[in-house]
C-alpha atoms as a PDB file:
ATOM      1  CA  MET A   1     111.042  79.811  89.697  1.00  0.00           C
ATOM      2  CA  LYS A   2     111.363  83.490  89.282  1.00  0.00           C
ATOM      3  CA  TRP A   3     114.886  83.389  90.947  1.00  0.00           C
ATOM      4  CA  ILE A   4     116.086  80.948  88.211  1.00  0.00           C
ATOM      5  CA  LYS A   5     115.022  83.575  85.599  1.00  0.00           C
ATOM      6  CA  GLU A   6     116.799  86.305  87.441  1.00  0.00           C
ATOM      7  CA  VAL A   7     120.031  84.200  87.680  1.00  0.00           C
ATOM      8  CA  TYR A   8     119.720  83.377  84.014  1.00  0.00           C
ATOM      9  CA  ASP A   9     119.116  87.174  82.938  1.00  0.00           C
ATOM     10  CA  LEU A  10     122.554  87.945  84.606  1.00  0.00           C
ATOM     11  CA  PHE A  11     124.266  85.737  81.956  1.00  0.00           C
ATOM     12  CA  VAL A  12     121.809  86.101  79.135  1.00  0.00           C
ATOM     13  CA  ASP A  13     124.376  87.052  76.749  1.00  0.00           C
ATOM     14  CA  ASP A  14     126.210  83.674  77.136  1.00  0.00           C
ATOM     15  CA  PRO A  15     123.751  80.726  77.517  1.00  0.00           C
ATOM     16  CA  LYS A  16     126.572  78.206  78.310  1.00  0.00           C
ATOM     17  CA  LEU A  17     127.848  80.375  81.167  1.00  0.00           C
ATOM     18  CA  ALA A  18     124.199  80.679  82.672  1.00  0.00           C
ATOM     19  CA  MET A  19     123.842  76.853  82.622  1.00  0.00           C
ATOM     20  CA  LEU A  20     127.169  76.440  84.201  1.00  0.00           C
ATOM     21  CA  ALA A  21     126.200  78.891  86.938  1.00  0.00           C
ATOM     22  CA  LEU A  22     122.907  77.062  87.598  1.00  0.00           C
ATOM     23  CA  VAL A  23     125.021  73.821  87.811  1.00  0.00           C
ATOM     24  CA  ALA A  24     127.084  75.427  90.328  1.00  0.00           C
ATOM     25  CA  LEU A  25     124.112  76.463  92.371  1.00  0.00           C
ATOM     26  CA  ALA A  26     122.762  72.912  92.277  1.00  0.00           C
ATOM     27  CA  ILE A  27     126.178  71.375  93.331  1.00  0.00           C
ATOM     28  CA  ALA A  28     126.269  73.890  96.315  1.00  0.00           C
ATOM     29  CA  LEU A  29     122.719  73.025  97.248  1.00  0.00           C
ATOM     30  CA  VAL A  30     123.698  69.167  97.411  1.00  0.00           C
ATOM     31  CA  VAL A  31     126.838  70.150  99.460  1.00  0.00           C
ATOM     32  CA  VAL A  32     124.869  72.161 101.822  1.00  0.00           C
ATOM     33  CA  HIS A  33     122.400  69.546 102.440  1.00  0.00           C
ATOM     34  CA  VAL A  34     125.287  67.175 103.287  1.00  0.00           C
ATOM     35  CA  GLY A  35     126.378  69.501 105.872  1.00  0.00           C
ATOM     36  CA  ALA A  36     129.326  71.630 104.518  1.00  0.00           C
ATOM     37  CA  PRO A  37     128.356  75.204 103.822  1.00  0.00           C
ATOM     38  CA  GLU A  38     131.853  76.528 103.618  1.00  0.00           C
ATOM     39  CA  VAL A  39     132.696  73.846 100.867  1.00  0.00           C
ATOM     40  CA  ALA A  40     129.461  74.937  99.125  1.00  0.00           C
ATOM     41  CA  GLY A  41     130.622  78.426  98.937  1.00  0.00           C
ATOM     42  CA  LEU A  42     134.080  77.234  97.565  1.00  0.00           C
ATOM     43  CA  ALA A  43     132.155  75.126  95.021  1.00  0.00           C
ATOM     44  CA  ILE A  44     130.249  77.969  93.775  1.00  0.00           C
ATOM     45  CA  PHE A  45     133.381  79.994  93.376  1.00  0.00           C
ATOM     46  CA  ALA A  46     135.283  77.408  91.631  1.00  0.00           C
ATOM     47  CA  VAL A  47     132.631  76.378  89.355  1.00  0.00           C
ATOM     48  CA  VAL A  48     131.723  80.070  88.199  1.00  0.00           C
ATOM     49  CA  ALA A  49     135.339  80.939  87.987  1.00  0.00           C
ATOM     50  CA  GLY A  50     136.096  77.903  85.884  1.00  0.00           C
ATOM     51  CA  ALA A  51     132.980  78.618  83.816  1.00  0.00           C
ATOM     52  CA  LEU A  52     134.192  82.239  83.247  1.00  0.00           C
ATOM     53  CA  TRP A  53     137.684  81.039  82.219  1.00  0.00           C
ATOM     54  CA  TYR A  54     136.359  78.364  79.872  1.00  0.00           C
ATOM     55  CA  THR A  55     133.829  80.776  78.143  1.00  0.00           C
ATOM     56  CA  THR A  56     136.360  83.473  77.747  1.00  0.00           C
ATOM     57  CA  ARG A  57     139.341  81.545  76.378  1.00  0.00           C
END
Protein backbone atom coordinates (compact mmCIF):
# COMPACT_ATOMS: atom_id res chain seq x y z
CA MET A 1 0.00 0.00 0.00
CA LYS A 2 3.04 2.26 -0.21
CA TRP A 3 1.98 3.41 -3.69
CA ILE A 4 -1.34 4.70 -2.34
CA LYS A 5 0.54 6.91 0.12
CA GLU A 6 2.81 8.18 -2.67
CA VAL A 7 -0.18 9.09 -4.83
CA TYR A 8 -1.90 10.74 -1.87
CA ASP A 9 1.24 12.73 -1.07
CA LEU A 10 1.11 14.23 -4.57
CA PHE A 11 -2.22 15.81 -3.71
CA VAL A 12 -1.72 16.33 0.03
CA ASP A 13 -2.71 20.00 -0.13
CA ASP A 14 -6.16 19.07 -1.42
CA PRO A 15 -7.64 15.89 0.11
CA LYS A 16 -10.70 15.97 -2.17
CA LEU A 17 -8.43 15.97 -5.20
CA ALA A 18 -6.45 13.06 -3.78
CA MET A 19 -9.56 11.00 -3.22
CA LEU A 20 -10.83 11.75 -6.74
CA ALA A 21 -7.47 10.67 -8.16
CA LEU A 22 -7.72 7.39 -6.27
CA VAL A 23 -11.25 6.96 -7.62
CA ALA A 24 -9.86 7.51 -11.13
CA LEU A 25 -7.28 4.78 -10.54
CA ALA A 26 -9.94 2.40 -9.25
CA ILE A 27 -12.15 3.05 -12.27
CA ALA A 28 -9.20 2.51 -14.60
CA LEU A 29 -8.33 -0.74 -12.86
CA VAL A 30 -11.84 -2.06 -13.40
CA VAL A 31 -11.83 -0.97 -17.05
CA VAL A 32 -8.46 -2.65 -17.66
CA HIS A 33 -9.74 -5.90 -16.21
CA VAL A 34 -12.72 -5.68 -18.56
CA GLY A 35 -10.24 -5.52 -21.43
CA ALA A 36 -10.09 -1.93 -22.64
CA PRO A 37 -6.75 -0.40 -21.61
CA GLU A 38 -7.13 2.57 -23.98
CA VAL A 39 -10.43 3.47 -22.36
CA ALA A 40 -8.80 3.14 -18.92
CA GLY A 41 -6.23 5.78 -19.86
CA LEU A 42 -9.01 8.04 -21.10
CA ALA A 43 -10.93 7.46 -17.87
CA ILE A 44 -7.92 8.48 -15.77
CA PHE A 45 -7.44 11.60 -17.87
CA ALA A 46 -11.11 12.56 -17.78
CA VAL A 47 -11.60 12.01 -14.04
CA VAL A 48 -8.38 13.77 -13.01
CA ALA A 49 -9.04 16.68 -15.39
CA GLY A 50 -12.59 16.95 -14.07
CA ALA A 51 -11.36 16.78 -10.48
CA LEU A 52 -8.84 19.55 -11.12
CA TRP A 53 -11.55 21.67 -12.72
CA TYR A 54 -13.95 20.99 -9.84
CA THR A 55 -11.46 21.80 -7.08
CA THR A 56 -10.18 25.00 -8.71
CA ARG A 57 -13.51 26.58 -9.65
